Amino acid sequence: MEKKFVSLPYIYPVCPLSIDHARMFVIADILARYARLKGSDVVFPVASHYSGNTAQKIAEFFCDAGSESEPDAEQEKKRALYRDFYSTPEYILKKFSDPLFILDYFSQEILWELRLLGISCDYDKYYTTKNERFSEFVREIISRYKDEKLLVKNKSGEVALDYDNEEWKNNTRHLLEQTEFIHPSQKKIIESTLKNNNVRNDWGILRDGGFGVEYEGHVVDPMFDSELFTVFDLYMAYHDEPELKEFDNDGIFAAIFNRLLSGGEHSNNPLVERVVASLPCDVFVCEEHLKNWVLKRMYAESYFMDKSYRTKSYFVTGMGLLNGKRMSASRGCAILTKDLIRDHGPWKARLIMLLTGGHPSKVYQFDERIPEQASEMIEHFSSYMLQLLSIAKRTEENVAREKTELSEVSAKIEGYIEKGYFKQAVIELITIIPKKYKTPDKKASLELLDIYGNYLELFLPGFLRNFNL
């Protein structure tokens, strides 16, 4: 069976999931479900990034908020963000003086939302980056940079990666030329990022505090500990399988990177071979604001991986706007996923995300009329499904429709999916097909039900269970 590897950035669990972030998961899920429909064995990891100092800052605020002094206006505004906008229970907020509790709490809340949305991640392999093996993985990467003299001191005297190294930059440029982007406009953005030297030597890779991987008495900056996390995802997916456990030794990460650099030369370690066999990542889904990180990821892959193991394609999503401002749950300007689920139910919340904007690679303005439009679409479509089921159950059969016409319907849906036009695909299924085939005969009804059984489950998983399909 062919393997497919679908990935997206770590959950950064310092606030609830916004519609913008959830939309990215929905896109990745559609791609994963489509690959399974085509017969592939899909790896679709999920993990949380416990790095940086945001959680500590939140914890410090709630420690101060617990004092007897009256809060000022700014403190009350911040408390209202968590209490009112995030709807975090008061008894939970009392525990927010512990930064690890904050990370754990929002991780579990987000995982709950993803499950409700039908995101088909590998939840049984979920992990967080406080895992000590992740620290070993990152230290192996930095040590290799150091051995190759790619660690330099920047103008501020900080340890930095030498992104100005011409050979490394040229290798990255070549990789970018070879890499597919689901929408060409997003490739141009990354090319511009490289051309304008947006990734530079003046970024220090170490901090003096915060959560993260410790390296030589410092903590690795969160922008520099995760470029190659997809390799670690695969390690976490396989390392505890009974037949592979004994091969998980102290030098496992050195062995993995040696294998990735060697290309076709096999190792004697089955765990290493299992990890490598699942590469490359077939599609990596992320948001446009991570464009600098995407380029850094390409720098890392161009150095650490033979070309056959580098990410094949990127699906970069555009930013969402709410009342003209960029969405940010951490700043209190966003549609929260849990509110959508509460107000509309999981699959209608997912439909709202799919109907928002045009192609997902484009910037979009959230339209407050969409939830009502989604309800109307579902109402009309549900009536149509009942009609199809009624016709399909009839004993007498009318003149059969030519199957080629409905085969073209499937081809059209798949064409939309492969180019990332998910909104058009779901509108075709829910609105256009019912209008085009208003009075199908029994044979056509059965074929249409097959089409819905195949493709609607990609977009609205679980919806067809309402009709016992």
Protein backbone atom coordinates (compact mmCIF):
# COMPACT_ATOMS: atom_id res chain seq x y z
CA MET A 1 0.00 0.00 0.00
CA GLU A 2 1.32 3.46 -0.92
CA LYS A 3 2.17 5.73 2.02
CA LYS A 4 1.17 9.38 2.28
CA PHE A 5 2.48 11.79 4.91
CA VAL A 6 0.33 14.86 5.65
CA SER A 7 1.65 17.35 8.20
CA LEU A 8 1.08 20.81 9.62
CA PRO A 9 2.69 22.98 12.33
CA TYR A 10 2.59 22.06 15.99
CA ILE A 11 -0.31 23.26 18.11
CA TYR A 12 0.96 26.23 20.13
CA PRO A 13 -1.35 25.89 23.16
CA VAL A 14 -1.47 29.30 24.84
CA CYS A 15 -5.06 30.18 23.89
CA PRO A 16 -8.11 28.56 22.26
CA LEU A 17 -8.17 27.57 18.59
CA SER A 18 -9.33 30.27 16.19
CA ILE A 19 -11.29 29.59 13.00
CA ASP A 20 -8.12 30.54 11.10
CA HIS A 21 -6.06 27.78 12.73
CA ALA A 22 -8.91 25.27 12.63
CA ARG A 23 -9.36 25.92 8.91
CA MET A 24 -5.76 24.85 8.39
CA PHE A 25 -6.47 21.55 10.18
CA VAL A 26 -9.61 21.03 8.09
CA ILE A 27 -7.59 21.49 4.88
CA ALA A 28 -4.97 18.99 6.04
CA ASP A 29 -7.74 16.59 7.03
CA ILE A 30 -9.40 16.77 3.60
CA LEU A 31 -6.05 15.97 1.98
CA ALA A 32 -5.51 13.05 4.37
CA ARG A 33 -9.02 11.69 3.80
CA TYR A 34 -8.65 12.05 0.04
CA ALA A 35 -5.39 10.11 0.13
CA ARG A 36 -7.13 7.32 2.08
CA LEU A 37 -9.98 7.34 -0.44
CA LYS A 38 -7.36 6.71 -3.13
CA GLY A 39 -6.05 3.71 -1.18
CA SER A 40 -3.04 5.20 0.61
CA ASP A 41 -1.88 4.46 4.15
CA VAL A 42 -1.77 7.95 5.66
CA VAL A 43 0.49 9.29 8.42
CA PHE A 44 -1.18 12.39 9.91
CA PRO A 45 0.57 13.41 13.17
CA VAL A 46 -0.57 15.87 15.82
CA ALA A 47 1.55 17.36 18.63
CA SER A 48 1.86 20.43 20.86
CA HIS A 49 4.81 22.82 21.01
CA TYR A 50 5.77 23.59 24.61
CA SER A 51 8.37 26.23 23.79
CA GLY A 52 8.98 29.94 24.30
CA ASN A 53 8.02 32.15 27.24
CA THR A 54 4.39 33.06 26.47
CA ALA A 55 2.98 30.61 29.01
CA GLN A 56 5.33 32.00 31.68
CA LYS A 57 4.13 35.55 30.97
CA ILE A 58 0.50 34.45 31.26
CA ALA A 59 1.30 32.65 34.52
CA GLU A 60 3.05 35.74 35.91
CA PHE A 61 -0.03 37.82 35.13
CA PHE A 62 -2.34 35.42 36.97
CA CYS A 63 0.05 35.30 39.91
CA ASP A 64 -0.16 39.10 40.14
CA ALA A 65 -3.92 38.98 39.55
CA GLY A 66 -4.23 36.82 42.66
CA SER A 67 -2.88 39.57 44.88
CA GLU A 68 -5.14 41.64 47.11
CA SER A 69 -4.52 44.92 45.25
CA GLU A 70 -7.19 46.24 42.87
CA PRO A 71 -6.47 45.43 39.19
CA ASP A 72 -5.87 48.38 36.87
CA ALA A 73 -7.75 48.77 33.56
CA GLU A 74 -5.14 46.86 31.55
CA GLN A 75 -5.11 43.95 34.00
CA GLU A 76 -8.91 43.79 34.01
CA LYS A 77 -8.93 43.79 30.19
CA LYS A 78 -6.52 40.87 30.10
CA ARG A 79 -8.47 38.94 32.69
CA ALA A 80 -11.66 39.55 30.71
CA LEU A 81 -9.93 38.07 27.64
CA TYR A 82 -9.55 34.74 29.43
CA ARG A 83 -12.73 34.82 31.48
CA ASP A 84 -15.21 36.25 28.94
CA PHE A 85 -13.78 35.86 25.42
CA TYR A 86 -12.11 32.47 25.97
CA SER A 87 -14.88 31.35 28.38
CA THR A 88 -12.30 29.80 30.68
CA PRO A 89 -13.98 28.73 33.96
CA GLU A 90 -12.98 30.66 37.05
CA TYR A 91 -11.77 27.53 38.86
CA ILE A 92 -9.44 26.87 35.91
CA LEU A 93 -8.12 30.44 35.90
CA LYS A 94 -7.10 30.00 39.53
CA LYS A 95 -4.63 27.34 38.33
CA PHE A 96 -3.13 29.55 35.61
CA SER A 97 -0.28 30.56 37.90
CA ASP A 98 1.38 27.35 36.66
CA PRO A 99 2.64 27.75 33.04
CA LEU A 100 2.64 23.99 32.44
CA PHE A 101 -1.00 23.80 33.49
CA ILE A 102 -1.82 26.52 30.92
CA LEU A 103 -0.13 24.55 28.14
CA ASP A 104 -1.76 21.29 29.19
CA TYR A 105 -5.18 22.88 29.52
CA PHE A 106 -5.26 24.52 26.09
CA SER A 107 -3.68 21.46 24.46
CA GLN A 108 -6.52 19.27 25.69
CA GLU A 109 -9.16 21.85 24.78
CA ILE A 110 -7.79 22.10 21.23
CA LEU A 111 -7.56 18.32 20.84
CA TRP A 112 -11.19 18.07 21.94
CA GLU A 113 -12.19 20.65 19.28
CA LEU A 114 -10.23 18.84 16.57
CA ARG A 115 -11.92 15.55 17.43
CA LEU A 116 -15.36 17.19 17.30
CA LEU A 117 -14.53 18.65 13.88
CA GLY A 118 -13.69 15.17 12.62
CA ILE A 119 -10.00 15.92 12.07
CA SER A 120 -8.58 12.44 11.46
CA CYS A 121 -5.13 12.91 13.05
CA ASP A 122 -3.12 10.09 14.64
CA TYR A 123 -4.31 10.98 18.14
CA ASP A 124 -2.92 7.78 19.62
CA LYS A 125 0.60 9.06 18.77
CA TYR A 126 0.04 12.55 20.19
CA TYR A 127 2.97 14.05 22.11
CA THR A 128 4.30 17.38 23.38
CA THR A 129 7.78 18.79 22.93
CA LYS A 130 8.50 18.57 26.64
CA ASN A 131 9.35 14.98 25.74
CA GLU A 132 13.04 14.45 26.58
CA ARG A 133 13.62 12.61 23.34
CA PHE A 134 12.61 15.78 21.48
CA SER A 135 15.38 17.61 23.34
CA GLU A 136 17.87 14.95 22.24
CA PHE A 137 16.63 15.31 18.67
CA VAL A 138 17.09 19.10 18.62
CA ARG A 139 20.52 18.93 20.28
CA GLU A 140 21.63 16.49 17.59
CA ILE A 141 20.59 18.99 14.92
CA ILE A 142 22.40 21.92 16.54
CA SER A 143 25.53 19.86 17.11
CA ARG A 144 25.61 19.03 13.41
CA TYR A 145 25.23 22.69 12.51
CA LYS A 146 28.15 23.41 14.84
CA ASP A 147 30.35 20.68 13.33
CA GLU A 148 29.75 22.08 9.85
CA LYS A 149 30.55 25.63 11.07
CA LEU A 150 27.04 26.83 10.26
CA LEU A 151 26.77 28.34 13.74
CA VAL A 152 28.16 31.90 13.81
CA LYS A 153 28.06 34.94 16.07
CA ASN A 154 25.79 37.72 14.80
CA LYS A 155 26.37 41.46 15.24
CA SER A 156 24.86 41.31 18.72
CA GLY A 157 27.27 38.53 19.74
CA GLU A 158 24.47 35.93 19.77
CA VAL A 159 24.77 32.40 18.42
CA ALA A 160 23.01 32.33 15.04
CA LEU A 161 22.67 30.15 11.98
CA ASP A 162 24.73 31.31 9.01
CA TYR A 163 21.92 31.91 6.55
CA ASP A 164 24.28 34.18 4.57
CA ASN A 165 26.41 31.16 3.65
CA GLU A 166 26.25 31.31 -0.16
CA GLU A 167 26.49 27.57 -0.74
CA TRP A 168 23.71 26.89 1.75
CA LYS A 169 21.56 29.65 0.26
CA ASN A 170 22.05 28.33 -3.28
CA ASN A 171 21.10 24.81 -2.18
CA THR A 172 17.96 26.23 -0.59
CA ARG A 173 17.15 28.22 -3.73
CA HIS A 174 17.47 25.06 -5.79
CA LEU A 175 15.19 23.17 -3.38
CA LEU A 176 12.60 25.95 -3.59
CA GLU A 177 12.65 25.74 -7.39
CA GLN A 178 11.96 22.00 -7.19
CA THR A 179 9.18 22.22 -4.58
CA GLU A 180 5.51 22.32 -5.49
CA PHE A 181 3.10 24.80 -3.91
CA ILE A 182 -0.63 24.08 -4.19
CA HIS A 183 -1.14 27.67 -5.35
CA PRO A 184 1.62 29.40 -7.39
CA SER A 185 1.09 32.75 -5.65
CA GLN A 186 2.34 31.30 -2.38
CA LYS A 187 5.54 30.05 -4.00
CA LYS A 188 6.21 33.59 -5.18
CA ILE A 189 5.89 34.82 -1.60
CA ILE A 190 8.52 32.33 -0.40
CA GLU A 191 10.78 33.21 -3.37
CA SER A 192 10.46 36.88 -2.41
CA THR A 193 11.31 36.01 1.19
CA LEU A 194 14.56 34.40 0.02
CA LYS A 195 15.37 37.16 -2.45
CA ASN A 196 14.86 39.89 0.16
CA ASN A 197 17.01 38.09 2.74
CA ASN A 198 14.16 37.93 5.23
CA VAL A 199 15.91 34.96 6.86
CA ARG A 200 19.14 36.40 8.20
CA ASN A 201 22.11 35.83 10.49
CA ASP A 202 20.91 38.44 12.98
CA TRP A 203 18.41 36.04 14.55
CA GLY A 204 19.82 34.54 17.72
CA ILE A 205 18.87 30.91 18.18
CA LEU A 206 19.27 30.79 21.99
CA ARG A 207 17.36 32.43 24.85
CA ASP A 208 18.14 32.83 28.53
CA GLY A 209 14.76 31.54 29.71
CA GLY A 210 11.41 30.03 28.87
CA PHE A 211 10.33 26.51 28.01
CA GLY A 212 12.29 24.65 25.40
CA VAL A 213 15.29 22.53 24.61
CA GLU A 214 18.34 23.29 26.74
CA TYR A 215 21.60 23.70 24.88
CA GLU A 216 24.90 24.75 26.51
CA GLY A 217 23.15 26.56 29.38
CA HIS A 218 20.56 28.30 27.24
CA VAL A 219 17.16 27.49 25.76
CA VAL A 220 16.65 27.06 22.02
CA ASP A 221 14.35 29.73 20.58
CA PRO A 222 10.98 28.25 19.49
CA MET A 223 11.59 29.36 15.90
CA PHE A 224 14.71 27.17 15.77
CA ASP A 225 13.72 23.89 17.40
CA SER A 226 11.07 22.66 14.98
CA GLU A 227 12.10 23.04 11.33
CA LEU A 228 12.62 19.27 11.04
CA PHE A 229 9.93 18.15 13.46
CA THR A 230 8.28 16.01 10.77
CA VAL A 231 11.23 13.60 11.16
CA PHE A 232 10.60 13.48 14.90
CA ASP A 233 6.89 12.90 14.21
CA LEU A 234 7.81 9.70 12.42
CA TYR A 235 10.14 8.62 15.20
CA MET A 236 7.29 9.09 17.70
CA ALA A 237 4.91 7.21 15.41
CA TYR A 238 7.08 4.08 15.30
CA HIS A 239 9.60 3.95 18.17
CA ASP A 240 7.36 2.13 20.63
CA GLU A 241 6.09 -0.54 18.24
CA PRO A 242 6.94 -3.94 19.79
CA GLU A 243 9.19 -5.07 16.94
CA LEU A 244 11.11 -1.75 16.89
CA LYS A 245 11.53 -0.90 20.59
CA GLU A 246 14.85 -2.71 20.95
CA PHE A 247 16.36 -0.57 18.17
CA ASP A 248 15.56 2.73 19.91
CA ASN A 249 19.03 3.41 21.31
CA ASP A 250 20.92 6.52 22.43
CA GLY A 251 22.35 7.14 18.97
CA ILE A 252 19.06 6.82 17.13
CA PHE A 253 18.86 10.43 15.93
CA ALA A 254 22.44 10.47 14.67
CA ALA A 255 21.62 7.25 12.80
CA ILE A 256 18.47 8.77 11.30
CA PHE A 257 20.28 11.85 10.02
CA ASN A 258 23.17 9.79 8.68
CA ARG A 259 20.61 7.75 6.76
CA LEU A 260 18.78 10.83 5.46
CA LEU A 261 22.04 12.28 4.18
CA SER A 262 23.23 9.04 2.59
CA GLY A 263 20.30 8.72 0.19
CA GLY A 264 20.01 5.12 -0.98
CA GLU A 265 22.47 3.51 1.45
CA HIS A 266 20.50 1.47 4.00
CA SER A 267 21.28 1.18 7.70
CA ASN A 268 21.11 -1.92 9.89
CA ASN A 269 18.50 -0.34 12.16
CA PRO A 270 14.84 -1.24 11.31
CA LEU A 271 13.54 1.77 13.25
CA VAL A 272 15.68 4.10 11.15
CA GLU A 273 14.46 2.42 7.98
CA ARG A 274 10.83 2.69 9.12
CA VAL A 275 11.19 6.44 9.70
CA VAL A 276 12.92 7.01 6.37
CA ALA A 277 10.38 4.88 4.50
CA SER A 278 7.59 7.33 5.44
CA LEU A 279 9.45 10.31 3.96
CA PRO A 280 9.12 12.61 2.17
CA CYS A 281 6.30 14.62 3.69
CA ASP A 282 3.85 14.68 0.77
CA VAL A 283 2.12 17.90 1.75
CA PHE A 284 2.80 20.37 4.55
CA VAL A 285 -0.07 22.73 5.39
CA CYS A 286 0.69 26.03 7.15
CA GLU A 287 -0.34 29.66 7.32
CA GLU A 288 1.19 32.47 5.28
CA HIS A 289 2.48 34.33 8.34
CA LEU A 290 4.94 31.44 8.79
CA LYS A 291 6.64 32.25 5.46
CA ASN A 292 10.00 32.95 7.14
CA TRP A 293 9.74 29.67 9.03
CA VAL A 294 8.90 27.80 5.81
CA LEU A 295 12.09 29.16 4.26
CA LYS A 296 14.07 28.20 7.37
CA ARG A 297 12.58 24.73 7.05
CA MET A 298 13.82 24.57 3.46
CA TYR A 299 17.28 25.64 4.58
CA ALA A 300 17.27 22.80 7.12
CA GLU A 301 16.00 20.17 4.68
CA SER A 302 18.53 21.20 2.02
CA TYR A 303 21.32 20.48 4.51
CA PHE A 304 20.03 17.48 6.48
CA MET A 305 18.22 15.47 3.80
CA ASP A 306 19.01 13.87 0.50
CA LYS A 307 16.66 15.33 -2.15
CA SER A 308 14.46 12.22 -2.16
CA TYR A 309 13.39 12.88 1.46
CA ARG A 310 12.57 16.60 1.26
CA THR A 311 9.00 17.89 1.52
CA LYS A 312 7.25 17.48 -1.82
CA SER A 313 4.60 20.20 -1.61
CA TYR A 314 3.27 23.01 0.57
CA PHE A 315 -0.30 24.19 1.00
CA VAL A 316 0.02 27.71 2.43
CA THR A 317 -3.20 29.29 3.69
CA GLY A 318 -4.04 32.97 3.59
CA MET A 319 -4.67 35.04 6.69
CA GLY A 320 -8.17 35.67 8.00
CA LEU A 321 -9.53 39.13 8.74
CA LEU A 322 -12.28 40.04 11.17
CA ASN A 323 -13.75 43.54 10.72
CA GLY A 324 -10.69 44.46 8.67
CA LYS A 325 -8.16 43.31 11.30
CA ARG A 326 -6.00 40.21 11.12
CA MET A 327 -7.44 37.44 13.27
CA SER A 328 -5.53 36.63 16.43
CA ALA A 329 -7.09 34.66 19.27
CA SER A 330 -4.28 35.76 21.61
CA ARG A 331 -5.27 39.41 21.00
CA GLY A 332 -8.99 38.84 21.32
CA CYS A 333 -9.74 39.43 17.64
CA ALA A 334 -10.94 36.12 16.21
CA ILE A 335 -13.83 33.74 15.71
CA LEU A 336 -13.15 30.95 18.18
CA THR A 337 -13.62 27.38 16.99
CA LYS A 338 -15.29 26.26 20.20
CA ASP A 339 -17.88 29.04 19.81
CA LEU A 340 -18.64 27.91 16.25
CA ILE A 341 -19.06 24.33 17.47
CA ARG A 342 -21.26 25.42 20.38
CA ASP A 343 -23.50 27.63 18.24
CA HIS A 344 -23.75 25.53 15.08
CA GLY A 345 -22.58 21.98 15.81
CA PRO A 346 -19.36 20.35 14.58
CA TRP A 347 -20.07 19.57 10.94
CA LYS A 348 -21.85 22.88 10.29
CA ALA A 349 -18.88 24.66 11.91
CA ARG A 350 -16.65 22.80 9.48
CA LEU A 351 -18.88 23.82 6.56
CA ILE A 352 -18.65 27.47 7.66
CA MET A 353 -14.85 27.22 7.53
CA LEU A 354 -14.98 25.74 4.03
CA LEU A 355 -17.36 28.43 2.74
CA THR A 356 -15.22 31.25 4.13
CA GLY A 357 -13.22 33.14 1.49
CA GLY A 358 -12.17 31.87 -1.94
CA HIS A 359 -9.16 29.64 -2.50
CA PRO A 360 -7.69 28.89 0.95
CA SER A 361 -4.33 30.38 -0.12
CA LYS A 362 -5.90 33.85 -0.32
CA VAL A 363 -6.46 36.40 2.44
CA TYR A 364 -10.12 36.34 3.44
CA GLN A 365 -12.55 38.54 5.35
CA PHE A 366 -14.92 36.58 7.60
CA ASP A 367 -18.47 37.15 6.41
CA GLU A 368 -21.01 37.04 9.25
CA ARG A 369 -23.72 35.92 6.81
CA ILE A 370 -22.00 32.58 6.15
CA PRO A 371 -23.43 30.67 9.15
CA GLU A 372 -26.97 31.45 7.93
CA GLN A 373 -26.02 30.46 4.37
CA ALA A 374 -24.56 27.20 5.68
CA SER A 375 -27.80 26.43 7.53
CA GLU A 376 -29.88 27.03 4.40
CA MET A 377 -27.56 24.87 2.28
CA ILE A 378 -27.75 22.02 4.77
CA GLU A 379 -31.54 22.27 5.03
CA HIS A 380 -32.03 22.06 1.25
CA PHE A 381 -29.41 19.36 0.85
CA SER A 382 -30.94 17.22 3.59
CA SER A 383 -34.26 17.29 1.73
CA TYR A 384 -32.45 16.25 -1.44
CA MET A 385 -30.76 13.35 0.32
CA LEU A 386 -34.12 12.11 1.57
CA GLN A 387 -35.41 12.30 -2.01
CA LEU A 388 -32.44 10.25 -3.30
CA LEU A 389 -32.97 7.63 -0.63
CA SER A 390 -36.66 7.42 -1.40
CA ILE A 391 -36.02 6.94 -5.13
CA ALA A 392 -33.20 4.43 -4.54
CA LYS A 393 -35.51 2.22 -2.43
CA ARG A 394 -38.23 1.93 -5.07
CA THR A 395 -38.71 -1.51 -6.55
CA GLU A 396 -39.47 -0.38 -10.07
CA GLU A 397 -36.65 1.10 -12.12
CA ASN A 398 -37.03 3.78 -14.76
CA VAL A 399 -34.83 4.37 -17.81
CA ALA A 400 -31.20 4.27 -16.72
CA ARG A 401 -29.11 7.43 -16.97
CA GLU A 402 -25.77 7.15 -18.75
CA LYS A 403 -23.11 6.59 -16.12
CA THR A 404 -20.54 8.65 -18.04
CA GLU A 405 -22.34 11.83 -17.04
CA LEU A 406 -22.00 11.03 -13.34
CA SER A 407 -18.41 9.91 -13.86
CA GLU A 408 -17.73 13.45 -15.01
CA VAL A 409 -19.18 14.69 -11.72
CA SER A 410 -16.59 12.67 -9.78
CA ALA A 411 -13.79 13.92 -12.03
CA LYS A 412 -14.90 17.51 -11.45
CA ILE A 413 -14.95 17.07 -7.66
CA GLU A 414 -11.49 15.49 -7.69
CA GLY A 415 -10.17 18.29 -9.90
CA TYR A 416 -11.31 20.84 -7.31
CA ILE A 417 -9.76 18.82 -4.47
CA GLU A 418 -6.37 18.43 -6.14
CA LYS A 419 -6.12 22.18 -6.79
CA GLY A 420 -7.30 23.10 -3.29
CA TYR A 421 -10.66 24.56 -4.29
CA PHE A 422 -12.50 22.94 -1.41
CA LYS A 423 -15.23 25.58 -1.24
CA GLN A 424 -16.14 24.94 -4.87
CA ALA A 425 -16.11 21.17 -4.29
CA VAL A 426 -18.50 21.33 -1.34
CA ILE A 427 -20.81 23.79 -3.15
CA GLU A 428 -20.83 21.43 -6.14
CA LEU A 429 -21.86 18.55 -3.87
CA ILE A 430 -24.42 20.33 -1.73
CA THR A 431 -25.93 22.94 -4.06
CA ILE A 432 -25.11 22.43 -7.75
CA ILE A 433 -25.66 18.66 -8.08
CA PRO A 434 -29.10 18.81 -6.41
CA LYS A 435 -30.13 21.54 -8.87
CA LYS A 436 -28.75 19.68 -11.88
CA TYR A 437 -30.24 16.30 -10.96
CA LYS A 438 -33.60 17.36 -9.55
CA THR A 439 -35.49 14.23 -10.62
CA PRO A 440 -32.98 11.40 -10.97
CA ASP A 441 -34.11 7.87 -11.76
CA LYS A 442 -33.24 4.96 -9.47
CA LYS A 443 -29.92 4.14 -11.13
CA ALA A 444 -28.80 7.77 -11.05
CA SER A 445 -29.93 8.06 -7.42
CA LEU A 446 -27.78 5.08 -6.45
CA GLU A 447 -24.79 6.53 -8.28
CA LEU A 448 -25.30 9.92 -6.65
CA LEU A 449 -25.46 8.27 -3.23
CA ASP A 450 -22.14 6.57 -4.04
CA ILE A 451 -20.65 9.94 -4.98
CA TYR A 452 -21.84 11.46 -1.72
CA GLY A 453 -20.57 8.47 0.22
CA ASN A 454 -17.11 8.96 -1.29
CA TYR A 455 -16.67 12.72 -1.34
CA LEU A 456 -18.98 14.32 1.21
CA GLU A 457 -17.19 12.39 3.96
CA LEU A 458 -14.03 14.35 3.07
CA PHE A 459 -15.68 17.68 3.75
CA LEU A 460 -18.36 16.94 6.36
CA PRO A 461 -17.34 13.70 8.08
CA GLY A 462 -20.20 12.10 9.95
CA PHE A 463 -22.96 14.10 8.25
CA LEU A 464 -24.21 11.16 6.19
CA ARG A 465 -24.77 9.13 9.34
CA ASN A 466 -27.92 11.23 9.73
CA PHE A 467 -29.25 9.20 6.79
CA ASN A 468 -27.83 5.82 7.91
CA LEU A 469 -25.21 5.94 5.15
